[in-house]
Amino acid sequence: MIYLVLSCDLAGNRPLGVENELRGPEMPVILPPEILADLLSWNERMGEAVLADAETSSAIARLNVEGENLASHIASIVPGGAKVRYLKE
């Protein structure tokens, strides 16, 4: 069982990390290409929403729901099992 954290990475493209560890240059688990694409797309959109004007609260709320769903999906597909904690913006 691996413990992961999913959160927006404003400085790069590593929104997924191992709990209580610094994020390295690689994803901590191998993800199917379509899930990886969804994850990176979500990270980019969330980063834009966080850095935008104050009128983005509804966008951030929608992206938080999407992030929670991604966390659940990633947890279900990691070989050997994973718990993925999602950090809301």
PDB file of N, CA and C in Angstrom:
ATOM      1  N   MET A   1       0.856  -1.171   0.000  1.00  0.00           N
ATOM      2  CA  MET A   1       0.000   0.000   0.000  1.00  0.00           C
ATOM      3  C   MET A   1       0.898   1.228   0.000  1.00  0.00           C
ATOM      4  N   ILE A   2       0.599   2.150  -0.895  1.00  0.00           N
ATOM      5  CA  ILE A   2       1.334   3.408  -0.960  1.00  0.00           C
ATOM      6  C   ILE A   2       0.372   4.543  -0.598  1.00  0.00           C
ATOM      7  N   TYR A   3       0.890   5.533   0.107  1.00  0.00           N
ATOM      8  CA  TYR A   3       0.095   6.686   0.515  1.00  0.00           C
ATOM      9  C   TYR A   3       0.520   7.889  -0.321  1.00  0.00           C
ATOM     10  N   LEU A   4      -0.428   8.422  -1.076  1.00  0.00           N
ATOM     11  CA  LEU A   4      -0.151   9.511  -2.004  1.00  0.00           C
ATOM     12  C   LEU A   4      -0.951  10.753  -1.639  1.00  0.00           C
ATOM     13  N   VAL A   5      -0.480  11.882  -2.159  1.00  0.00           N
ATOM     14  CA  VAL A   5      -1.170  13.157  -1.984  1.00  0.00           C
ATOM     15  C   VAL A   5      -1.340  13.781  -3.360  1.00  0.00           C
ATOM     16  N   LEU A   6      -2.559  14.231  -3.633  1.00  0.00           N
ATOM     17  CA  LEU A   6      -2.866  14.923  -4.883  1.00  0.00           C
ATOM     18  C   LEU A   6      -3.192  16.370  -4.551  1.00  0.00           C
ATOM     19  N   SER A   7      -2.453  17.284  -5.159  1.00  0.00           N
ATOM     20  CA  SER A   7      -2.712  18.710  -4.967  1.00  0.00           C
ATOM     21  C   SER A   7      -2.171  19.464  -6.170  1.00  0.00           C
ATOM     22  N   CYS A   8      -2.636  20.669  -6.339  1.00  0.00           N
ATOM     23  CA  CYS A   8      -2.193  21.490  -7.454  1.00  0.00           C
ATOM     24  C   CYS A   8      -0.711  21.827  -7.294  1.00  0.00           C
ATOM     25  N   ASP A   9       0.046  21.644  -8.361  1.00  0.00           N
ATOM     26  CA  ASP A   9       1.469  21.984  -8.377  1.00  0.00           C
ATOM     27  C   ASP A   9       1.637  23.224  -9.248  1.00  0.00           C
ATOM     28  N   LEU A  10       1.631  24.390  -8.623  1.00  0.00           N
ATOM     29  CA  LEU A  10       1.733  25.643  -9.361  1.00  0.00           C
ATOM     30  C   LEU A  10       3.090  25.823 -10.028  1.00  0.00           C
ATOM     31  N   ALA A  11       4.112  25.181  -9.509  1.00  0.00           N
ATOM     32  CA  ALA A  11       5.466  25.373 -10.020  1.00  0.00           C
ATOM     33  C   ALA A  11       5.853  24.371 -11.102  1.00  0.00           C
ATOM     34  N   GLY A  12       5.010  23.412 -11.385  1.00  0.00           N
ATOM     35  CA  GLY A  12       5.404  22.396 -12.357  1.00  0.00           C
ATOM     36  C   GLY A  12       4.274  21.472 -12.724  1.00  0.00           C
ATOM     37  N   ASN A  13       4.635  20.241 -12.988  1.00  0.00           N
ATOM     38  CA  ASN A  13       3.633  19.272 -13.436  1.00  0.00           C
ATOM     39  C   ASN A  13       3.718  17.980 -12.627  1.00  0.00           C
ATOM     40  N   ARG A  14       3.861  18.112 -11.310  1.00  0.00           N
ATOM     41  CA  ARG A  14       3.882  16.951 -10.423  1.00  0.00           C
ATOM     42  C   ARG A  14       2.819  17.097  -9.344  1.00  0.00           C
ATOM     43  N   PRO A  15       1.547  16.995  -9.720  1.00  0.00           N
ATOM     44  CA  PRO A  15       0.492  17.151  -8.723  1.00  0.00           C
ATOM     45  C   PRO A  15       0.320  15.945  -7.800  1.00  0.00           C
ATOM     46  N   LEU A  16       1.020  14.860  -8.095  1.00  0.00           N
ATOM     47  CA  LEU A  16       0.880  13.642  -7.300  1.00  0.00           C
ATOM     48  C   LEU A  16       2.214  13.342  -6.628  1.00  0.00           C
ATOM     49  N   GLY A  17       2.172  13.140  -5.311  1.00  0.00           N
ATOM     50  CA  GLY A  17       3.396  12.833  -4.572  1.00  0.00           C
ATOM     51  C   GLY A  17       3.143  11.804  -3.504  1.00  0.00           C
ATOM     52  N   VAL A  18       4.217  11.293  -2.943  1.00  0.00           N
ATOM     53  CA  VAL A  18       4.126  10.339  -1.837  1.00  0.00           C
ATOM     54  C   VAL A  18       3.936  11.132  -0.549  1.00  0.00           C
ATOM     55  N   GLU A  19       3.026  10.663   0.287  1.00  0.00           N
ATOM     56  CA  GLU A  19       2.750  11.310   1.579  1.00  0.00           C
ATOM     57  C   GLU A  19       4.046  11.491   2.364  1.00  0.00           C
ATOM     58  N   ASN A  20       4.261  12.689   2.905  1.00  0.00           N
ATOM     59  CA  ASN A  20       5.403  13.023   3.765  1.00  0.00           C
ATOM     60  C   ASN A  20       6.755  12.930   3.072  1.00  0.00           C
ATOM     61  N   GLU A  21       6.797  13.079   1.756  1.00  0.00           N
ATOM     62  CA  GLU A  21       8.056  13.100   1.023  1.00  0.00           C
ATOM     63  C   GLU A  21       8.046  14.281   0.056  1.00  0.00           C
ATOM     64  N   LEU A  22       9.235  14.806  -0.222  1.00  0.00           N
ATOM     65  CA  LEU A  22       9.348  15.846  -1.238  1.00  0.00           C
ATOM     66  C   LEU A  22       9.032  15.247  -2.597  1.00  0.00           C
ATOM     67  N   ARG A  23       8.419  16.033  -3.434  1.00  0.00           N
ATOM     68  CA  ARG A  23       8.098  15.548  -4.774  1.00  0.00           C
ATOM     69  C   ARG A  23       9.342  15.557  -5.644  1.00  0.00           C
ATOM     70  N   GLY A  24       9.575  14.433  -6.287  1.00  0.00           N
ATOM     71  CA  GLY A  24      10.729  14.313  -7.166  1.00  0.00           C
ATOM     72  C   GLY A  24      10.372  14.667  -8.601  1.00  0.00           C
ATOM     73  N   PRO A  25      11.293  14.454  -9.501  1.00  0.00           N
ATOM     74  CA  PRO A  25      11.064  14.807 -10.902  1.00  0.00           C
ATOM     75  C   PRO A  25      10.116  13.844 -11.630  1.00  0.00           C
ATOM     76  N   GLU A  26       9.826  12.712 -11.035  1.00  0.00           N
ATOM     77  CA  GLU A  26       8.973  11.701 -11.663  1.00  0.00           C
ATOM     78  C   GLU A  26       7.714  11.482 -10.831  1.00  0.00           C
ATOM     79  N   MET A  27       6.673  10.991 -11.490  1.00  0.00           N
ATOM     80  CA  MET A  27       5.473  10.595 -10.756  1.00  0.00           C
ATOM     81  C   MET A  27       5.835   9.400  -9.872  1.00  0.00           C
ATOM     82  N   PRO A  28       5.247   9.308  -8.689  1.00  0.00           N
ATOM     83  CA  PRO A  28       5.599   8.222  -7.778  1.00  0.00           C
ATOM     84  C   PRO A  28       5.036   6.854  -8.186  1.00  0.00           C
ATOM     85  N   VAL A  29       4.056   6.852  -9.079  1.00  0.00           N
ATOM     86  CA  VAL A  29       3.482   5.609  -9.591  1.00  0.00           C
ATOM     87  C   VAL A  29       3.290   5.753 -11.100  1.00  0.00           C
ATOM     88  N   ILE A  30       3.268   4.636 -11.771  1.00  0.00           N
ATOM     89  CA  ILE A  30       3.015   4.657 -13.217  1.00  0.00           C
ATOM     90  C   ILE A  30       1.510   4.677 -13.431  1.00  0.00           C
ATOM     91  N   LEU A  31       1.062   5.665 -14.195  1.00  0.00           N
ATOM     92  CA  LEU A  31      -0.364   5.813 -14.486  1.00  0.00           C
ATOM     93  C   LEU A  31      -0.619   5.558 -15.963  1.00  0.00           C
ATOM     94  N   PRO A  32      -1.789   5.035 -16.303  1.00  0.00           N
ATOM     95  CA  PRO A  32      -2.140   4.887 -17.715  1.00  0.00           C
ATOM     96  C   PRO A  32      -2.089   6.263 -18.398  1.00  0.00           C
ATOM     97  N   PRO A  33      -1.700   6.301 -19.656  1.00  0.00           N
ATOM     98  CA  PRO A  33      -1.545   7.584 -20.355  1.00  0.00           C
ATOM     99  C   PRO A  33      -2.776   8.489 -20.290  1.00  0.00           C
ATOM    100  N   GLU A  34      -3.970   7.904 -20.376  1.00  0.00           N
ATOM    101  CA  GLU A  34      -5.170   8.749 -20.355  1.00  0.00           C
ATOM    102  C   GLU A  34      -5.405   9.362 -18.971  1.00  0.00           C
ATOM    103  N   ILE A  35      -5.070   8.640 -17.908  1.00  0.00           N
ATOM    104  CA  ILE A  35      -5.211   9.173 -16.544  1.00  0.00           C
ATOM    105  C   ILE A  35      -4.149  10.239 -16.301  1.00  0.00           C
ATOM    106  N   LEU A  36      -2.937   9.987 -16.773  1.00  0.00           N
ATOM    107  CA  LEU A  36      -1.876  10.978 -16.640  1.00  0.00           C
ATOM    108  C   LEU A  36      -2.246  12.266 -17.369  1.00  0.00           C
ATOM    109  N   ALA A  37      -2.805  12.143 -18.567  1.00  0.00           N
ATOM    110  CA  ALA A  37      -3.235  13.324 -19.329  1.00  0.00           C
ATOM    111  C   ALA A  37      -4.329  14.076 -18.575  1.00  0.00           C
ATOM    112  N   ASP A  38      -5.293  13.351 -17.999  1.00  0.00           N
ATOM    113  CA  ASP A  38      -6.358  13.988 -17.217  1.00  0.00           C
ATOM    114  C   ASP A  38      -5.778  14.713 -16.001  1.00  0.00           C
ATOM    115  N   LEU A  39      -4.834  14.077 -15.333  1.00  0.00           N
ATOM    116  CA  LEU A  39      -4.212  14.646 -14.145  1.00  0.00           C
ATOM    117  C   LEU A  39      -3.450  15.932 -14.477  1.00  0.00           C
ATOM    118  N   LEU A  40      -2.667  15.898 -15.542  1.00  0.00           N
ATOM    119  CA  LEU A  40      -1.890  17.079 -15.924  1.00  0.00           C
ATOM    120  C   LEU A  40      -2.790  18.197 -16.427  1.00  0.00           C
ATOM    121  N   SER A  41      -3.862  17.852 -17.121  1.00  0.00           N
ATOM    122  CA  SER A  41      -4.824  18.853 -17.574  1.00  0.00           C
ATOM    123  C   SER A  41      -5.496  19.509 -16.369  1.00  0.00           C
ATOM    124  N   TRP A  42      -5.916  18.690 -15.397  1.00  0.00           N
ATOM    125  CA  TRP A  42      -6.522  19.222 -14.182  1.00  0.00           C
ATOM    126  C   TRP A  42      -5.550  20.160 -13.477  1.00  0.00           C
ATOM    127  N   ASN A  43      -4.283  19.757 -13.349  1.00  0.00           N
ATOM    128  CA  ASN A  43      -3.287  20.571 -12.658  1.00  0.00           C
ATOM    129  C   ASN A  43      -3.128  21.935 -13.334  1.00  0.00           C
ATOM    130  N   GLU A  44      -3.088  21.939 -14.640  1.00  0.00           N
ATOM    131  CA  GLU A  44      -2.937  23.198 -15.377  1.00  0.00           C
ATOM    132  C   GLU A  44      -4.153  24.106 -15.170  1.00  0.00           C
ATOM    133  N   ARG A  45      -5.353  23.526 -15.279  1.00  0.00           N
ATOM    134  CA  ARG A  45      -6.581  24.318 -15.101  1.00  0.00           C
ATOM    135  C   ARG A  45      -6.721  24.834 -13.674  1.00  0.00           C
ATOM    136  N   MET A  46      -6.378  23.998 -12.691  1.00  0.00           N
ATOM    137  CA  MET A  46      -6.451  24.429 -11.292  1.00  0.00           C
ATOM    138  C   MET A  46      -5.432  25.530 -11.038  1.00  0.00           C
ATOM    139  N   GLY A  47      -4.237  25.390 -11.568  1.00  0.00           N
ATOM    140  CA  GLY A  47      -3.225  26.425 -11.396  1.00  0.00           C
ATOM    141  C   GLY A  47      -3.677  27.754 -11.965  1.00  0.00           C
ATOM    142  N   GLU A  48      -4.293  27.721 -13.135  1.00  0.00           N
ATOM    143  CA  GLU A  48      -4.809  28.953 -13.743  1.00  0.00           C
ATOM    144  C   GLU A  48      -5.910  29.566 -12.885  1.00  0.00           C
ATOM    145  N   ALA A  49      -6.785  28.733 -12.352  1.00  0.00           N
ATOM    146  CA  ALA A  49      -7.882  29.229 -11.521  1.00  0.00           C
ATOM    147  C   ALA A  49      -7.355  29.834 -10.221  1.00  0.00           C
ATOM    148  N   VAL A  50      -6.386  29.190  -9.610  1.00  0.00           N
ATOM    149  CA  VAL A  50      -5.828  29.685  -8.355  1.00  0.00           C
ATOM    150  C   VAL A  50      -5.142  31.036  -8.562  1.00  0.00           C
ATOM    151  N   LEU A  51      -4.450  31.176  -9.676  1.00  0.00           N
ATOM    152  CA  LEU A  51      -3.717  32.416  -9.940  1.00  0.00           C
ATOM    153  C   LEU A  51      -4.580  33.528 -10.526  1.00  0.00           C
ATOM    154  N   ALA A  52      -5.814  33.214 -10.893  1.00  0.00           N
ATOM    155  CA  ALA A  52      -6.700  34.202 -11.516  1.00  0.00           C
ATOM    156  C   ALA A  52      -7.336  35.101 -10.469  1.00  0.00           C
ATOM    157  N   ASP A  53      -8.234  35.938 -10.934  1.00  0.00           N
ATOM    158  CA  ASP A  53      -8.940  36.879 -10.061  1.00  0.00           C
ATOM    159  C   ASP A  53      -9.808  36.156  -9.036  1.00  0.00           C
ATOM    160  N   ALA A  54     -10.354  36.932  -8.120  1.00  0.00           N
ATOM    161  CA  ALA A  54     -11.198  36.399  -7.048  1.00  0.00           C
ATOM    162  C   ALA A  54     -12.503  35.802  -7.557  1.00  0.00           C
ATOM    163  N   GLU A  55     -12.853  36.031  -8.797  1.00  0.00           N
ATOM    164  CA  GLU A  55     -14.109  35.527  -9.364  1.00  0.00           C
ATOM    165  C   GLU A  55     -14.032  34.048  -9.741  1.00  0.00           C
ATOM    166  N   THR A  56     -13.023  33.338  -9.276  1.00  0.00           N
ATOM    167  CA  THR A  56     -12.837  31.950  -9.698  1.00  0.00           C
ATOM    168  C   THR A  56     -13.310  30.926  -8.677  1.00  0.00           C
ATOM    169  N   SER A  57     -14.007  31.352  -7.639  1.00  0.00           N
ATOM    170  CA  SER A  57     -14.381  30.396  -6.597  1.00  0.00           C
ATOM    171  C   SER A  57     -15.241  29.262  -7.132  1.00  0.00           C
ATOM    172  N   SER A  58     -16.137  29.541  -8.081  1.00  0.00           N
ATOM    173  CA  SER A  58     -16.956  28.458  -8.633  1.00  0.00           C
ATOM    174  C   SER A  58     -16.105  27.522  -9.488  1.00  0.00           C
ATOM    175  N   ALA A  59     -15.139  28.072 -10.207  1.00  0.00           N
ATOM    176  CA  ALA A  59     -14.234  27.230 -11.003  1.00  0.00           C
ATOM    177  C   ALA A  59     -13.391  26.354 -10.087  1.00  0.00           C
ATOM    178  N   ILE A  60     -12.885  26.931  -9.012  1.00  0.00           N
ATOM    179  CA  ILE A  60     -12.083  26.152  -8.062  1.00  0.00           C
ATOM    180  C   ILE A  60     -12.935  25.072  -7.407  1.00  0.00           C
ATOM    181  N   ALA A  61     -14.175  25.386  -7.070  1.00  0.00           N
ATOM    182  CA  ALA A  61     -15.066  24.384  -6.478  1.00  0.00           C
ATOM    183  C   ALA A  61     -15.276  23.214  -7.439  1.00  0.00           C
ATOM    184  N   ARG A  62     -15.516  23.516  -8.712  1.00  0.00           N
ATOM    185  CA  ARG A  62     -15.686  22.448  -9.726  1.00  0.00           C
ATOM    186  C   ARG A  62     -14.404  21.631  -9.871  1.00  0.00           C
ATOM    187  N   LEU A  63     -13.264  22.314  -9.894  1.00  0.00           N
ATOM    188  CA  LEU A  63     -11.989  21.616 -10.036  1.00  0.00           C
ATOM    189  C   LEU A  63     -11.653  20.808  -8.790  1.00  0.00           C
ATOM    190  N   ASN A  64     -12.099  21.259  -7.609  1.00  0.00           N
ATOM    191  CA  ASN A  64     -11.906  20.453  -6.395  1.00  0.00           C
ATOM    192  C   ASN A  64     -12.686  19.144  -6.487  1.00  0.00           C
ATOM    193  N   VAL A  65     -13.900  19.197  -6.998  1.00  0.00           N
ATOM    194  CA  VAL A  65     -14.684  17.966  -7.195  1.00  0.00           C
ATOM    195  C   VAL A  65     -13.969  17.051  -8.178  1.00  0.00           C
ATOM    196  N   GLU A  66     -13.475  17.634  -9.279  1.00  0.00           N
ATOM    197  CA  GLU A  66     -12.736  16.844 -10.271  1.00  0.00           C
ATOM    198  C   GLU A  66     -11.474  16.241  -9.641  1.00  0.00           C
ATOM    199  N   GLY A  67     -10.789  17.012  -8.807  1.00  0.00           N
ATOM    200  CA  GLY A  67      -9.586  16.503  -8.140  1.00  0.00           C
ATOM    201  C   GLY A  67      -9.896  15.363  -7.191  1.00  0.00           C
ATOM    202  N   GLU A  68     -10.987  15.474  -6.456  1.00  0.00           N
ATOM    203  CA  GLU A  68     -11.399  14.380  -5.561  1.00  0.00           C
ATOM    204  C   GLU A  68     -11.701  13.115  -6.362  1.00  0.00           C
ATOM    205  N   ASN A  69     -12.361  13.275  -7.507  1.00  0.00           N
ATOM    206  CA  ASN A  69     -12.659  12.121  -8.361  1.00  0.00           C
ATOM    207  C   ASN A  69     -11.384  11.508  -8.924  1.00  0.00           C
ATOM    208  N   LEU A  70     -10.440  12.347  -9.330  1.00  0.00           N
ATOM    209  CA  LEU A  70      -9.152  11.838  -9.821  1.00  0.00           C
ATOM    210  C   LEU A  70      -8.435  11.055  -8.728  1.00  0.00           C
ATOM    211  N   ALA A  71      -8.442  11.589  -7.517  1.00  0.00           N
ATOM    212  CA  ALA A  71      -7.788  10.902  -6.394  1.00  0.00           C
ATOM    213  C   ALA A  71      -8.395   9.517  -6.175  1.00  0.00           C
ATOM    214  N   SER A  72      -9.704   9.432  -6.201  1.00  0.00           N
ATOM    215  CA  SER A  72     -10.378   8.136  -6.023  1.00  0.00           C
ATOM    216  C   SER A  72     -10.038   7.177  -7.155  1.00  0.00           C
ATOM    217  N   HIS A  73     -10.034   7.698  -8.375  1.00  0.00           N
ATOM    218  CA  HIS A  73      -9.733   6.851  -9.532  1.00  0.00           C
ATOM    219  C   HIS A  73      -8.292   6.350  -9.480  1.00  0.00           C
ATOM    220  N   ILE A  74      -7.360   7.233  -9.164  1.00  0.00           N
ATOM    221  CA  ILE A  74      -5.952   6.833  -9.072  1.00  0.00           C
ATOM    222  C   ILE A  74      -5.782   5.769  -7.993  1.00  0.00           C
ATOM    223  N   ALA A  75      -6.430   5.956  -6.846  1.00  0.00           N
ATOM    224  CA  ALA A  75      -6.334   4.969  -5.763  1.00  0.00           C
ATOM    225  C   ALA A  75      -6.818   3.597  -6.214  1.00  0.00           C
ATOM    226  N   SER A  76      -7.814   3.576  -7.072  1.00  0.00           N
ATOM    227  CA  SER A  76      -8.393   2.298  -7.507  1.00  0.00           C
ATOM    228  C   SER A  76      -7.550   1.569  -8.546  1.00  0.00           C
ATOM    229  N   ILE A  77      -6.627   2.264  -9.212  1.00  0.00           N
ATOM    230  CA  ILE A  77      -5.871   1.610 -10.290  1.00  0.00           C
ATOM    231  C   ILE A  77      -4.408   1.344  -9.959  1.00  0.00           C
ATOM    232  N   VAL A  78      -3.905   1.842  -8.831  1.00  0.00           N
ATOM    233  CA  VAL A  78      -2.496   1.633  -8.489  1.00  0.00           C
ATOM    234  C   VAL A  78      -2.294   0.178  -8.078  1.00  0.00           C
ATOM    235  N   PRO A  79      -1.376  -0.523  -8.755  1.00  0.00           N
ATOM    236  CA  PRO A  79      -1.098  -1.910  -8.372  1.00  0.00           C
ATOM    237  C   PRO A  79      -0.610  -1.989  -6.925  1.00  0.00           C
ATOM    238  N   GLY A  80      -1.122  -2.927  -6.179  1.00  0.00           N
ATOM    239  CA  GLY A  80      -0.743  -3.089  -4.784  1.00  0.00           C
ATOM    240  C   GLY A  80      -1.551  -2.221  -3.838  1.00  0.00           C
ATOM    241  N   GLY A  81      -2.365  -1.350  -4.387  1.00  0.00           N
ATOM    242  CA  GLY A  81      -3.239  -0.511  -3.584  1.00  0.00           C
ATOM    243  C   GLY A  81      -2.627   0.828  -3.226  1.00  0.00           C
ATOM    244  N   ALA A  82      -3.483   1.808  -3.095  1.00  0.00           N
ATOM    245  CA  ALA A  82      -3.038   3.146  -2.716  1.00  0.00           C
ATOM    246  C   ALA A  82      -4.157   3.865  -1.991  1.00  0.00           C
ATOM    247  N   LYS A  83      -3.761   4.748  -1.113  1.00  0.00           N
ATOM    248  CA  LYS A  83      -4.679   5.706  -0.518  1.00  0.00           C
ATOM    249  C   LYS A  83      -4.204   7.060  -1.023  1.00  0.00           C
ATOM    250  N   VAL A  84      -5.123   7.815  -1.596  1.00  0.00           N
ATOM    251  CA  VAL A  84      -4.764   9.114  -2.161  1.00  0.00           C
ATOM    252  C   VAL A  84      -5.541  10.192  -1.419  1.00  0.00           C
ATOM    253  N   ARG A  85      -4.802  11.060  -0.751  1.00  0.00           N
ATOM    254  CA  ARG A  85      -5.418  12.180  -0.035  1.00  0.00           C
ATOM    255  C   ARG A  85      -5.417  13.379  -0.971  1.00  0.00           C
ATOM    256  N   TYR A  86      -6.567  14.013  -1.099  1.00  0.00           N
ATOM    257  CA  TYR A  86      -6.695  15.187  -1.958  1.00  0.00           C
ATOM    258  C   TYR A  86      -6.652  16.450  -1.102  1.00  0.00           C
ATOM    259  N   LEU A  87      -5.810  17.396  -1.480  1.00  0.00           N
ATOM    260  CA  LEU A  87      -5.724  18.669  -0.774  1.00  0.00           C
ATOM    261  C   LEU A  87      -6.477  19.724  -1.564  1.00  0.00           C
ATOM    262  N   LYS A  88      -7.570  20.208  -1.006  1.00  0.00           N
ATOM    263  CA  LYS A  88      -8.394  21.196  -1.686  1.00  0.00           C
ATOM    264  C   LYS A  88      -7.700  22.552  -1.717  1.00  0.00           C
ATOM    265  N   GLU A  89      -8.045  23.301  -2.754  1.00  0.00           N
ATOM    266  CA  GLU A  89      -7.578  24.692  -2.858  1.00  0.00           C
ATOM    267  C   GLU A  89      -8.589  25.591  -2.221  1.00  0.00           C
TER     268      GLU A  89
END
